[in-house]
Amino acid sequence: MAAAESSKTPAKRIPNDDTEIAPFAEVAPEEPYSIFTTSEKKWISYVASFGAMLSTLSSYIYFPALVPMALDLNVSVALINLTVTSYLIIAGIAPAFMGDIADQGGRRPAYILMFTLVVASNIGLALQNSYSALFILRMVQSAGASGSYGAAYGIVADITTVNERGSYVGSMLVFTNAAPSFGPVIAGLLTEKLSWRWIFWFLVILTGIYLLIIITLLPETQRRVVGNGSLKTHGVHKSLFDFLTRHRKIDAFEQDQGLRGGKRRYHIPNPFKCIPMLFSKSNLSVILIGSITYAVKMTLQSSLSAQCIDVYKLNYLEAGLIYLPSGVGGALASYTTGKLLDKNIQRVSVTQGRNSRYRRGDDISGFPIEEARLAGIYMLVALSSMTTAGYGVSLMQESHIAIPLVMQFISGATTSSIFTICGTLLTDLNTKASATVQASYNLVRCIGAGAAIAAQQPLANATGLGWSFGIFSLIMLFAAPLAMLLKKRGLGWRACAPRNLNPK
């Protein structure tokens, strides 16, 4: 017996004390970064991506129903618009809580909590008959839905290496970028044919089915909990997926007690953990690039329906259909950009002599990840800026409706490509706290978008529609020097950054 035991290669032991396991479940170099197969990774990422899409859908599907809701609840449209503002405020704050839960306690508990809140709030929204109930329930809905975006990035970080991550992020953003297109169309149809309440019943059905899928078929991927997927799960972390995929051969990865860990210490969710991540120059640069882009994009999206109804005399269903070009462009660009990001990594890693390393793991120390990820971003920023200005001019001159829609298509494609780049790079830089850094990103971009949307109409009144979007197009150009600085200094910033900056 002793001889048999001694013949086994001992598992790598992580230094530990008697009270708390190592803060991150590392795997031995000879083991794969993730034991999930390619098909399993795709399934997991699709489930996570659908949840992120539901977050975007819950926001955009609401817009065509603002006027009929105001009439039914006997309040002004301005008061109904306040529920949009409250939704955005909570969307900027809630991911800080949910991201910490996902990074500390696991992805499954966070997802189950988030979508339980979403389903319950959607039922309440479909049944409520007062403005105060609508106002409160929309905030509850936002609290649940908004955190799924960052958690989805966390799952992608758990199961993918740098070498393949771009494709997974791109595929994820296909879902989220499609939602702003078909959401208003669905809402317009339901409102016109049935009632605005059926928007929320539709969401109840959709999110309810998704919650059941999460509970039964979404495996735990958080590396603090399952390492590379080889550690056994218990309690809320265990799903039917674990019983159906015994070919994962968990037992083949013999883990000693040091890697499995003893009791896991859980912490009360701390929303302020996302704030220190903004002190990283690399993180802040990426977040500012993405936030500037998001703010400018939202001025186009928020103005599209109202301006086209006014200029081109569209009905509500037609006003929903005009969101399709931006969404189609965004979905196509996200998928394509994700593939290109992986090719860029392979190209740069070959020149660095480290290609095999990135196929096996996730170490980017000494590697110019910023150069690989930000390739082509200057062209994207320039195109986005030009189409923003062109959109404003086309509306001001009341050009044929095809012109602003073409501008929306190009803008949707370029901004979605930038979002894919920024989201992937942030995940690369913060694989151990990917959901938390996305909460930081979400906080900054929601503040920026809220300010831009609030300023858009007063600016248009003061300068004219064309000049207002001309100003936003100039703001968009500020992303270019930030990208230039990050490409030039990013590697040095990471080398000098304190090791304890990212939350553990």
Protein backbone atom coordinates (compact mmCIF):
# COMPACT_ATOMS: atom_id res chain seq x y z
CA MET A 1 0.00 0.00 0.00
CA ALA A 2 2.77 2.41 0.89
CA ALA A 3 4.62 1.60 -2.30
CA ALA A 4 1.50 2.20 -4.37
CA GLU A 5 0.95 5.51 -2.72
CA SER A 6 4.55 6.58 -3.16
CA SER A 7 4.36 5.82 -6.89
CA LYS A 8 1.76 8.52 -7.41
CA THR A 9 2.91 11.96 -8.38
CA PRO A 10 2.05 14.18 -5.45
CA ALA A 11 -0.32 17.06 -6.20
CA LYS A 12 1.08 20.53 -5.90
CA ARG A 13 0.36 21.86 -2.43
CA ILE A 14 -0.50 25.52 -1.93
CA PRO A 15 0.87 27.02 1.28
CA ASN A 16 -1.90 27.48 3.75
CA ASP A 17 -2.63 28.06 7.39
CA ASP A 18 -5.12 26.31 9.62
CA THR A 19 -7.79 28.99 9.49
CA GLU A 20 -8.16 30.02 5.89
CA ILE A 21 -7.39 28.51 2.50
CA ALA A 22 -5.20 30.21 -0.04
CA PRO A 23 -7.04 33.15 -1.53
CA PHE A 24 -6.99 31.71 -5.04
CA ALA A 25 -7.22 28.05 -6.00
CA GLU A 26 -4.18 27.78 -8.26
CA VAL A 27 -3.55 24.75 -10.42
CA ALA A 28 -0.23 23.06 -11.02
CA PRO A 29 1.58 24.09 -14.20
CA GLU A 30 1.24 20.60 -15.72
CA GLU A 31 -2.54 20.68 -15.32
CA PRO A 32 -4.82 22.38 -17.88
CA TYR A 33 -6.08 25.88 -17.09
CA SER A 34 -9.62 24.48 -17.29
CA ILE A 35 -10.79 20.87 -17.55
CA PHE A 36 -14.05 21.87 -19.20
CA THR A 37 -14.17 20.67 -22.80
CA THR A 38 -14.66 23.10 -25.67
CA SER A 39 -18.32 22.14 -26.03
CA GLU A 40 -18.84 22.57 -22.28
CA LYS A 41 -17.15 25.97 -22.37
CA LYS A 42 -19.45 27.04 -25.18
CA TRP A 43 -22.53 25.89 -23.29
CA ILE A 44 -21.44 27.67 -20.11
CA SER A 45 -20.59 30.89 -21.95
CA TYR A 46 -23.89 30.83 -23.87
CA VAL A 47 -25.85 30.48 -20.64
CA ALA A 48 -23.90 33.34 -19.06
CA SER A 49 -24.25 35.46 -22.20
CA PHE A 50 -28.01 34.97 -22.27
CA GLY A 51 -28.18 36.31 -18.73
CA ALA A 52 -26.19 39.39 -19.75
CA MET A 53 -28.57 39.83 -22.68
CA LEU A 54 -31.57 39.75 -20.32
CA SER A 55 -29.99 42.63 -18.40
CA THR A 56 -29.83 44.77 -21.54
CA LEU A 57 -33.26 43.61 -22.69
CA SER A 58 -34.87 44.58 -19.37
CA SER A 59 -33.68 48.14 -19.91
CA TYR A 60 -34.46 48.67 -23.61
CA ILE A 61 -37.77 46.78 -23.79
CA TYR A 62 -39.28 49.39 -21.49
CA PHE A 63 -38.95 52.41 -23.79
CA PRO A 64 -41.91 51.96 -26.22
CA ALA A 65 -44.34 51.63 -23.29
CA LEU A 66 -43.56 54.93 -21.57
CA VAL A 67 -46.54 56.84 -22.98
CA PRO A 68 -49.25 54.17 -22.48
CA MET A 69 -47.96 53.50 -18.96
CA ALA A 70 -48.22 57.20 -18.14
CA LEU A 71 -51.81 57.24 -19.41
CA ASP A 72 -52.82 54.10 -17.48
CA LEU A 73 -51.20 55.23 -14.22
CA ASN A 74 -52.48 58.80 -14.67
CA VAL A 75 -49.05 60.42 -14.34
CA SER A 76 -46.91 62.51 -16.66
CA VAL A 77 -44.36 61.07 -19.06
CA ALA A 78 -41.73 63.05 -17.14
CA LEU A 79 -42.51 61.02 -14.01
CA ILE A 80 -42.32 57.77 -15.99
CA ASN A 81 -38.94 58.94 -17.28
CA LEU A 82 -37.78 59.14 -13.67
CA THR A 83 -38.16 55.36 -13.47
CA VAL A 84 -35.61 55.15 -16.30
CA THR A 85 -33.24 57.36 -14.32
CA SER A 86 -33.73 55.30 -11.15
CA TYR A 87 -33.06 52.13 -13.14
CA LEU A 88 -29.74 53.54 -14.38
CA ILE A 89 -28.72 54.70 -10.90
CA ILE A 90 -29.27 51.24 -9.43
CA ALA A 91 -27.59 49.69 -12.48
CA GLY A 92 -24.48 51.65 -11.59
CA ILE A 93 -24.51 50.65 -7.92
CA ALA A 94 -25.90 47.09 -7.69
CA PRO A 95 -23.11 45.34 -9.67
CA ALA A 96 -20.68 46.41 -6.94
CA PHE A 97 -22.57 44.13 -4.53
CA MET A 98 -23.29 41.36 -7.03
CA GLY A 99 -19.76 41.41 -8.41
CA ASP A 100 -18.27 40.89 -4.96
CA ILE A 101 -20.70 38.02 -4.29
CA ALA A 102 -19.75 36.41 -7.61
CA ASP A 103 -16.00 36.84 -7.03
CA GLN A 104 -16.02 35.77 -3.37
CA GLY A 105 -18.85 33.25 -3.00
CA GLY A 106 -19.16 31.76 -6.46
CA ARG A 107 -20.98 32.38 -9.72
CA ARG A 108 -23.97 30.12 -9.08
CA PRO A 109 -25.12 31.76 -5.80
CA ALA A 110 -24.81 35.18 -7.43
CA TYR A 111 -26.79 34.16 -10.51
CA ILE A 112 -29.53 32.48 -8.50
CA LEU A 113 -29.89 35.54 -6.26
CA MET A 114 -29.90 37.98 -9.18
CA PHE A 115 -32.52 36.22 -11.25
CA THR A 116 -34.74 35.41 -8.30
CA LEU A 117 -34.93 39.19 -7.81
CA VAL A 118 -35.56 39.70 -11.53
CA VAL A 119 -38.40 37.18 -11.76
CA ALA A 120 -40.07 38.48 -8.59
CA SER A 121 -39.83 42.11 -9.74
CA ASN A 122 -41.20 41.29 -13.20
CA ILE A 123 -44.24 39.62 -11.65
CA GLY A 124 -44.77 42.68 -9.47
CA LEU A 125 -44.36 45.05 -12.44
CA ALA A 126 -46.97 43.14 -14.44
CA LEU A 127 -49.48 43.31 -11.57
CA GLN A 128 -48.86 46.76 -10.05
CA ASN A 129 -51.35 49.61 -10.43
CA SER A 130 -49.53 52.56 -8.87
CA TYR A 131 -46.63 54.78 -9.83
CA SER A 132 -44.85 54.25 -6.51
CA ALA A 133 -44.91 50.47 -7.00
CA LEU A 134 -43.61 50.89 -10.54
CA PHE A 135 -40.78 53.13 -9.33
CA ILE A 136 -39.67 50.74 -6.57
CA LEU A 137 -40.04 47.54 -8.59
CA ARG A 138 -38.01 48.94 -11.48
CA MET A 139 -35.16 49.54 -9.04
CA VAL A 140 -35.47 45.96 -7.75
CA GLN A 141 -35.46 44.72 -11.34
CA SER A 142 -32.32 46.74 -12.03
CA ALA A 143 -30.62 45.45 -8.87
CA GLY A 144 -31.04 41.88 -10.08
CA ALA A 145 -30.49 42.26 -13.81
CA SER A 146 -27.56 44.68 -13.90
CA GLY A 147 -25.14 42.41 -12.05
CA SER A 148 -25.41 39.62 -14.61
CA TYR A 149 -23.25 41.53 -17.10
CA GLY A 150 -20.18 41.54 -14.86
CA ALA A 151 -20.83 37.99 -13.65
CA ALA A 152 -20.82 36.79 -17.26
CA TYR A 153 -17.35 38.28 -17.74
CA GLY A 154 -16.34 36.47 -14.56
CA ILE A 155 -17.43 33.12 -15.97
CA VAL A 156 -15.54 33.77 -19.21
CA ALA A 157 -12.41 34.58 -17.18
CA ASP A 158 -12.82 31.36 -15.18
CA ILE A 159 -12.86 28.98 -18.13
CA THR A 160 -10.81 30.64 -20.89
CA THR A 161 -7.17 31.50 -21.40
CA VAL A 162 -5.86 34.70 -22.95
CA ASN A 163 -5.39 32.84 -26.22
CA GLU A 164 -9.11 32.10 -26.68
CA ARG A 165 -10.86 34.72 -24.53
CA GLY A 166 -11.57 37.25 -27.26
CA SER A 167 -13.86 34.88 -29.15
CA TYR A 168 -15.88 34.10 -26.04
CA VAL A 169 -16.27 37.76 -25.09
CA GLY A 170 -17.24 38.59 -28.67
CA SER A 171 -19.87 35.84 -28.71
CA MET A 172 -21.21 37.07 -25.37
CA LEU A 173 -21.60 40.61 -26.68
CA VAL A 174 -23.49 39.33 -29.72
CA PHE A 175 -26.34 38.60 -27.31
CA THR A 176 -26.12 41.88 -25.41
CA ASN A 177 -25.83 44.01 -28.56
CA ALA A 178 -28.80 42.31 -30.20
CA ALA A 179 -31.12 43.05 -27.27
CA PRO A 180 -31.45 46.81 -27.92
CA SER A 181 -32.72 45.95 -31.42
CA PHE A 182 -35.34 43.30 -30.88
CA GLY A 183 -36.38 44.49 -27.39
CA PRO A 184 -38.18 47.63 -28.60
CA VAL A 185 -39.75 45.67 -31.49
CA ILE A 186 -41.18 43.07 -29.10
CA ALA A 187 -42.37 45.79 -26.75
CA GLY A 188 -44.03 47.69 -29.59
CA LEU A 189 -45.89 44.58 -30.76
CA LEU A 190 -47.02 43.60 -27.26
CA THR A 191 -48.11 47.12 -26.37
CA GLU A 192 -50.01 47.63 -29.61
CA LYS A 193 -51.68 44.20 -29.79
CA LEU A 194 -52.19 43.39 -26.09
CA SER A 195 -51.08 45.73 -23.31
CA TRP A 196 -47.90 47.20 -21.85
CA ARG A 197 -48.31 44.75 -18.95
CA TRP A 198 -47.55 41.92 -21.34
CA ILE A 199 -44.03 43.29 -21.68
CA PHE A 200 -43.42 42.26 -18.09
CA TRP A 201 -45.31 38.95 -18.43
CA PHE A 202 -43.03 38.21 -21.39
CA LEU A 203 -40.04 38.95 -19.16
CA VAL A 204 -41.51 36.75 -16.39
CA ILE A 205 -41.67 33.79 -18.78
CA LEU A 206 -38.22 34.42 -20.25
CA THR A 207 -36.40 35.06 -16.97
CA GLY A 208 -38.30 32.28 -15.18
CA ILE A 209 -37.15 29.69 -17.71
CA TYR A 210 -33.63 31.07 -17.48
CA LEU A 211 -33.64 30.81 -13.68
CA LEU A 212 -34.58 27.12 -13.95
CA ILE A 213 -31.72 26.58 -16.41
CA ILE A 214 -29.29 28.25 -14.01
CA ILE A 215 -30.42 26.17 -11.05
CA THR A 216 -30.22 22.87 -12.92
CA LEU A 217 -27.57 23.19 -15.63
CA LEU A 218 -25.13 26.03 -14.89
CA PRO A 219 -22.00 24.59 -13.24
CA GLU A 220 -19.89 26.49 -10.75
CA THR A 221 -16.81 27.93 -12.46
CA GLN A 222 -15.37 30.31 -9.84
CA ARG A 223 -11.74 29.27 -9.46
CA ARG A 224 -11.76 30.02 -5.75
CA VAL A 225 -14.38 27.28 -5.43
CA VAL A 226 -13.57 24.67 -8.11
CA GLY A 227 -10.02 25.55 -9.19
CA ASN A 228 -9.69 24.58 -12.85
CA GLY A 229 -12.97 22.68 -12.56
CA SER A 230 -11.46 19.59 -10.96
CA LEU A 231 -12.62 20.25 -7.40
CA LYS A 232 -15.89 18.70 -6.29
CA THR A 233 -18.80 21.00 -5.49
CA HIS A 234 -21.34 20.88 -2.70
CA GLY A 235 -24.57 22.57 -1.72
CA VAL A 236 -25.67 25.54 -3.81
CA HIS A 237 -22.52 25.21 -5.96
CA LYS A 238 -23.59 21.78 -7.25
CA SER A 239 -25.83 21.46 -10.31
CA LEU A 240 -27.31 18.73 -12.46
CA PHE A 241 -24.52 19.54 -14.92
CA ASP A 242 -22.05 17.95 -12.50
CA PHE A 243 -23.96 14.66 -12.55
CA LEU A 244 -24.30 14.65 -16.35
CA THR A 245 -20.63 15.29 -17.12
CA ARG A 246 -18.74 12.60 -15.22
CA HIS A 247 -16.32 12.50 -18.18
CA ARG A 248 -14.73 15.56 -16.62
CA LYS A 249 -12.78 12.96 -14.63
CA ILE A 250 -12.61 14.99 -11.48
CA ASP A 251 -11.07 12.07 -9.65
CA ALA A 252 -8.23 11.91 -12.17
CA PHE A 253 -6.96 15.16 -10.72
CA GLU A 254 -6.06 13.86 -7.32
CA GLN A 255 -6.04 16.87 -5.04
CA ASP A 256 -4.56 16.92 -1.58
CA GLN A 257 -6.27 18.69 1.30
CA GLY A 258 -4.15 21.79 0.74
CA LEU A 259 -5.63 22.37 -2.72
CA ARG A 260 -9.15 21.37 -1.79
CA GLY A 261 -8.99 23.58 1.24
CA GLY A 262 -10.87 23.22 4.46
CA LYS A 263 -13.50 25.66 5.54
CA ARG A 264 -13.99 28.53 3.15
CA ARG A 265 -14.29 31.94 4.69
CA TYR A 266 -17.08 34.04 3.23
CA HIS A 267 -17.35 37.77 3.63
CA ILE A 268 -20.20 40.22 3.69
CA PRO A 269 -20.46 41.74 0.18
CA ASN A 270 -18.47 44.95 0.08
CA PRO A 271 -19.58 47.33 -2.70
CA PHE A 272 -16.53 49.51 -2.15
CA LYS A 273 -14.13 46.80 -3.34
CA CYS A 274 -14.63 48.00 -6.88
CA ILE A 275 -13.36 51.50 -6.04
CA PRO A 276 -9.65 50.61 -5.47
CA MET A 277 -9.59 48.94 -8.87
CA LEU A 278 -9.99 52.39 -10.41
CA PHE A 279 -6.63 53.35 -8.88
CA SER A 280 -4.91 51.07 -11.38
CA LYS A 281 -3.79 53.24 -14.29
CA SER A 282 -4.37 50.40 -16.73
CA ASN A 283 -7.86 49.68 -15.42
CA LEU A 284 -8.83 53.34 -15.37
CA SER A 285 -7.60 53.90 -18.92
CA VAL A 286 -9.60 50.97 -20.29
CA ILE A 287 -12.68 51.99 -18.30
CA LEU A 288 -12.49 55.59 -19.54
CA ILE A 289 -12.18 54.46 -23.16
CA GLY A 290 -15.22 52.22 -22.81
CA SER A 291 -17.20 54.78 -20.79
CA ILE A 292 -16.64 57.61 -23.28
CA THR A 293 -17.78 55.31 -26.06
CA TYR A 294 -20.82 54.16 -24.08
CA ALA A 295 -21.87 57.72 -23.21
CA VAL A 296 -21.72 58.85 -26.84
CA LYS A 297 -23.53 55.71 -28.03
CA MET A 298 -26.33 56.24 -25.51
CA THR A 299 -26.94 59.78 -26.76
CA LEU A 300 -27.61 58.32 -30.20
CA GLN A 301 -29.75 55.48 -28.88
CA SER A 302 -31.83 57.59 -26.51
CA SER A 303 -32.51 60.24 -29.15
CA LEU A 304 -33.25 57.86 -32.03
CA SER A 305 -36.90 57.05 -31.37
CA ALA A 306 -38.03 60.53 -30.31
CA GLN A 307 -36.15 62.35 -33.06
CA CYS A 308 -37.30 60.00 -35.82
CA ILE A 309 -40.91 60.14 -34.64
CA ASP A 310 -40.71 63.92 -34.75
CA VAL A 311 -38.82 64.28 -38.05
CA TYR A 312 -40.21 61.32 -40.02
CA LYS A 313 -43.66 60.97 -38.38
CA LEU A 314 -43.23 57.29 -37.44
CA ASN A 315 -45.68 55.24 -35.38
CA TYR A 316 -44.62 53.34 -32.24
CA LEU A 317 -43.97 50.05 -34.02
CA GLU A 318 -41.87 51.76 -36.69
CA ALA A 319 -40.03 53.62 -33.94
CA GLY A 320 -39.10 50.24 -32.49
CA LEU A 321 -37.98 48.83 -35.83
CA ILE A 322 -35.46 51.63 -36.42
CA TYR A 323 -33.30 50.20 -33.61
CA LEU A 324 -32.54 47.14 -35.75
CA PRO A 325 -29.61 48.56 -37.79
CA SER A 326 -27.60 49.48 -34.70
CA GLY A 327 -28.20 46.10 -33.10
CA VAL A 328 -27.40 44.10 -36.22
CA GLY A 329 -24.21 46.07 -36.76
CA GLY A 330 -23.25 45.63 -33.12
CA ALA A 331 -23.89 41.88 -33.08
CA LEU A 332 -21.87 41.26 -36.25
CA ALA A 333 -19.02 43.46 -35.06
CA SER A 334 -18.83 41.84 -31.62
CA TYR A 335 -18.46 38.35 -33.06
CA THR A 336 -15.91 39.44 -35.69
CA THR A 337 -13.89 41.50 -33.22
CA GLY A 338 -13.72 38.59 -30.79
CA LYS A 339 -12.18 36.38 -33.48
CA LEU A 340 -9.72 39.10 -34.46
CA LEU A 341 -8.66 39.59 -30.83
CA ASP A 342 -7.66 35.93 -30.61
CA LYS A 343 -5.69 36.22 -33.86
CA ASN A 344 -3.92 39.30 -32.52
CA ILE A 345 -2.93 37.42 -29.36
CA GLN A 346 -1.55 34.54 -31.42
CA ARG A 347 0.37 36.93 -33.67
CA VAL A 348 1.94 38.92 -30.83
CA SER A 349 2.61 35.85 -28.67
CA VAL A 350 4.47 34.16 -31.55
CA THR A 351 6.69 37.22 -31.93
CA GLN A 352 7.30 37.08 -28.17
CA GLY A 353 8.07 33.33 -28.27
CA ARG A 354 5.31 32.54 -25.78
CA ASN A 355 2.50 31.06 -27.88
CA SER A 356 2.35 27.67 -26.13
CA ARG A 357 2.27 29.38 -22.76
CA TYR A 358 -0.96 31.19 -23.57
CA ARG A 359 -2.60 28.05 -24.87
CA ARG A 360 -1.95 26.47 -21.50
CA GLY A 361 -2.56 29.20 -18.97
CA ASP A 362 -3.29 32.83 -18.24
CA ASP A 363 0.04 34.45 -17.34
CA ILE A 364 0.45 37.83 -19.05
CA SER A 365 3.38 39.08 -16.98
CA GLY A 366 5.93 40.71 -19.26
CA PHE A 367 3.60 40.34 -22.25
CA PRO A 368 2.29 43.43 -24.12
CA ILE A 369 -1.36 42.45 -23.82
CA GLU A 370 -2.39 46.08 -24.37
CA GLU A 371 -0.70 46.16 -27.77
CA ALA A 372 -2.40 42.94 -28.83
CA ARG A 373 -5.88 43.92 -27.66
CA LEU A 374 -5.89 47.57 -28.80
CA ALA A 375 -4.80 46.93 -32.39
CA GLY A 376 -7.11 48.84 -34.72
CA ILE A 377 -8.82 50.90 -32.03
CA TYR A 378 -7.80 54.24 -33.57
CA MET A 379 -9.76 53.47 -36.72
CA LEU A 380 -12.78 52.43 -34.66
CA VAL A 381 -12.70 55.64 -32.62
CA ALA A 382 -12.40 57.77 -35.77
CA LEU A 383 -15.30 56.00 -37.52
CA SER A 384 -17.48 56.24 -34.43
CA SER A 385 -16.77 59.96 -34.15
CA MET A 386 -17.56 60.61 -37.81
CA THR A 387 -20.83 58.66 -37.75
CA THR A 388 -21.94 60.49 -34.59
CA ALA A 389 -21.48 63.82 -36.36
CA GLY A 390 -23.09 62.46 -39.53
CA TYR A 391 -26.11 61.25 -37.59
CA GLY A 392 -26.70 64.72 -36.14
CA VAL A 393 -26.30 66.43 -39.51
CA SER A 394 -28.69 63.99 -41.23
CA LEU A 395 -31.40 64.69 -38.65
CA MET A 396 -30.82 68.44 -38.77
CA GLN A 397 -31.17 68.48 -42.56
CA GLU A 398 -34.07 65.98 -42.46
CA SER A 399 -32.28 63.71 -44.92
CA HIS A 400 -33.85 60.49 -46.13
CA ILE A 401 -34.42 58.18 -43.16
CA ALA A 402 -31.92 55.71 -44.61
CA ILE A 403 -29.07 58.12 -43.85
CA PRO A 404 -29.42 58.24 -40.02
CA LEU A 405 -30.09 54.49 -40.01
CA VAL A 406 -26.85 53.84 -41.90
CA MET A 407 -25.08 56.07 -39.38
CA GLN A 408 -26.67 54.00 -36.60
CA PHE A 409 -25.46 50.76 -38.22
CA ILE A 410 -21.87 51.98 -38.48
CA SER A 411 -21.97 53.49 -35.00
CA GLY A 412 -23.39 50.26 -33.57
CA ALA A 413 -20.62 48.25 -35.24
CA THR A 414 -17.72 50.48 -34.19
CA THR A 415 -18.86 51.04 -30.61
CA SER A 416 -19.57 47.34 -30.11
CA SER A 417 -16.07 46.52 -31.34
CA ILE A 418 -14.64 48.97 -28.81
CA PHE A 419 -16.78 47.42 -26.04
CA THR A 420 -15.49 43.95 -26.98
CA ILE A 421 -11.90 45.18 -26.85
CA CYS A 422 -12.34 46.95 -23.51
CA GLY A 423 -14.27 44.12 -21.88
CA THR A 424 -11.73 41.52 -22.96
CA LEU A 425 -8.74 43.60 -21.88
CA LEU A 426 -10.26 44.35 -18.47
CA THR A 427 -10.82 40.63 -17.97
CA ASP A 428 -7.23 39.87 -19.00
CA LEU A 429 -5.91 42.39 -16.47
CA ASN A 430 -8.16 41.20 -13.60
CA THR A 431 -8.82 37.48 -14.00
CA LYS A 432 -9.03 36.97 -10.22
CA ALA A 433 -11.59 39.75 -9.75
CA SER A 434 -13.24 39.95 -13.15
CA ALA A 435 -16.79 40.55 -11.91
CA THR A 436 -15.61 43.22 -9.46
CA VAL A 437 -13.68 45.16 -12.10
CA GLN A 438 -16.72 45.01 -14.37
CA ALA A 439 -18.65 46.62 -11.50
CA SER A 440 -16.08 49.44 -11.52
CA TYR A 441 -16.54 49.76 -15.27
CA ASN A 442 -20.32 49.73 -14.92
CA LEU A 443 -20.26 52.43 -12.25
CA VAL A 444 -18.20 54.85 -14.35
CA ARG A 445 -20.01 54.22 -17.61
CA CYS A 446 -23.49 54.56 -16.05
CA ILE A 447 -22.50 57.90 -14.51
CA GLY A 448 -21.08 59.05 -17.84
CA ALA A 449 -24.08 57.86 -19.84
CA GLY A 450 -26.52 59.45 -17.41
CA ALA A 451 -24.72 62.78 -17.66
CA ALA A 452 -24.56 62.60 -21.46
CA ILE A 453 -28.25 61.73 -21.82
CA ALA A 454 -29.21 64.51 -19.41
CA ALA A 455 -27.11 67.01 -21.38
CA GLN A 456 -28.16 65.93 -24.86
CA GLN A 457 -31.52 67.69 -25.15
CA PRO A 458 -30.49 70.98 -23.46
CA LEU A 459 -27.38 70.99 -25.67
CA ALA A 460 -29.51 70.41 -28.78
CA ASN A 461 -31.84 73.24 -27.75
CA ALA A 462 -28.90 75.60 -27.24
CA THR A 463 -26.76 74.74 -30.28
CA GLY A 464 -29.03 72.85 -32.65
CA LEU A 465 -29.31 69.12 -33.28
CA GLY A 466 -26.39 68.93 -35.69
CA TRP A 467 -23.96 70.87 -33.52
CA SER A 468 -24.91 68.93 -30.38
CA PHE A 469 -23.89 65.63 -31.96
CA GLY A 470 -20.84 67.35 -33.41
CA ILE A 471 -19.78 68.11 -29.84
CA PHE A 472 -20.36 64.48 -28.83
CA SER A 473 -18.29 63.35 -31.81
CA LEU A 474 -15.39 65.46 -30.50
CA ILE A 475 -15.80 63.93 -27.04
CA MET A 476 -15.54 60.51 -28.68
CA LEU A 477 -12.07 61.41 -29.97
CA PHE A 478 -10.72 61.62 -26.41
CA ALA A 479 -10.67 57.81 -26.41
CA ALA A 480 -7.81 57.81 -28.94
CA PRO A 481 -5.07 59.44 -26.79
CA LEU A 482 -6.12 57.25 -23.86
CA ALA A 483 -5.63 54.17 -26.03
CA MET A 484 -2.28 55.50 -27.25
CA LEU A 485 -1.11 56.08 -23.68
CA LEU A 486 -2.26 52.62 -22.60
CA LYS A 487 -0.49 50.89 -25.48
CA LYS A 488 2.72 52.77 -24.71
CA ARG A 489 2.74 52.63 -20.90
CA GLY A 490 0.47 49.71 -19.99
CA LEU A 491 3.18 47.07 -19.60
CA GLY A 492 5.25 49.36 -17.38
CA TRP A 493 2.23 50.30 -15.27
CA ARG A 494 1.50 46.64 -14.61
CA ALA A 495 5.11 45.95 -13.66
CA CYS A 496 5.06 48.76 -11.09
CA ALA A 497 1.54 48.17 -9.78
CA PRO A 498 1.22 47.02 -6.13
CA ARG A 499 0.40 43.35 -5.87
CA ASN A 500 -2.45 43.90 -3.43
CA LEU A 501 -4.36 46.31 -5.65
CA ASN A 502 -6.82 43.74 -6.90
CA PRO A 503 -9.22 42.43 -4.26
CA LYS A 504 -8.66 38.92 -3.15
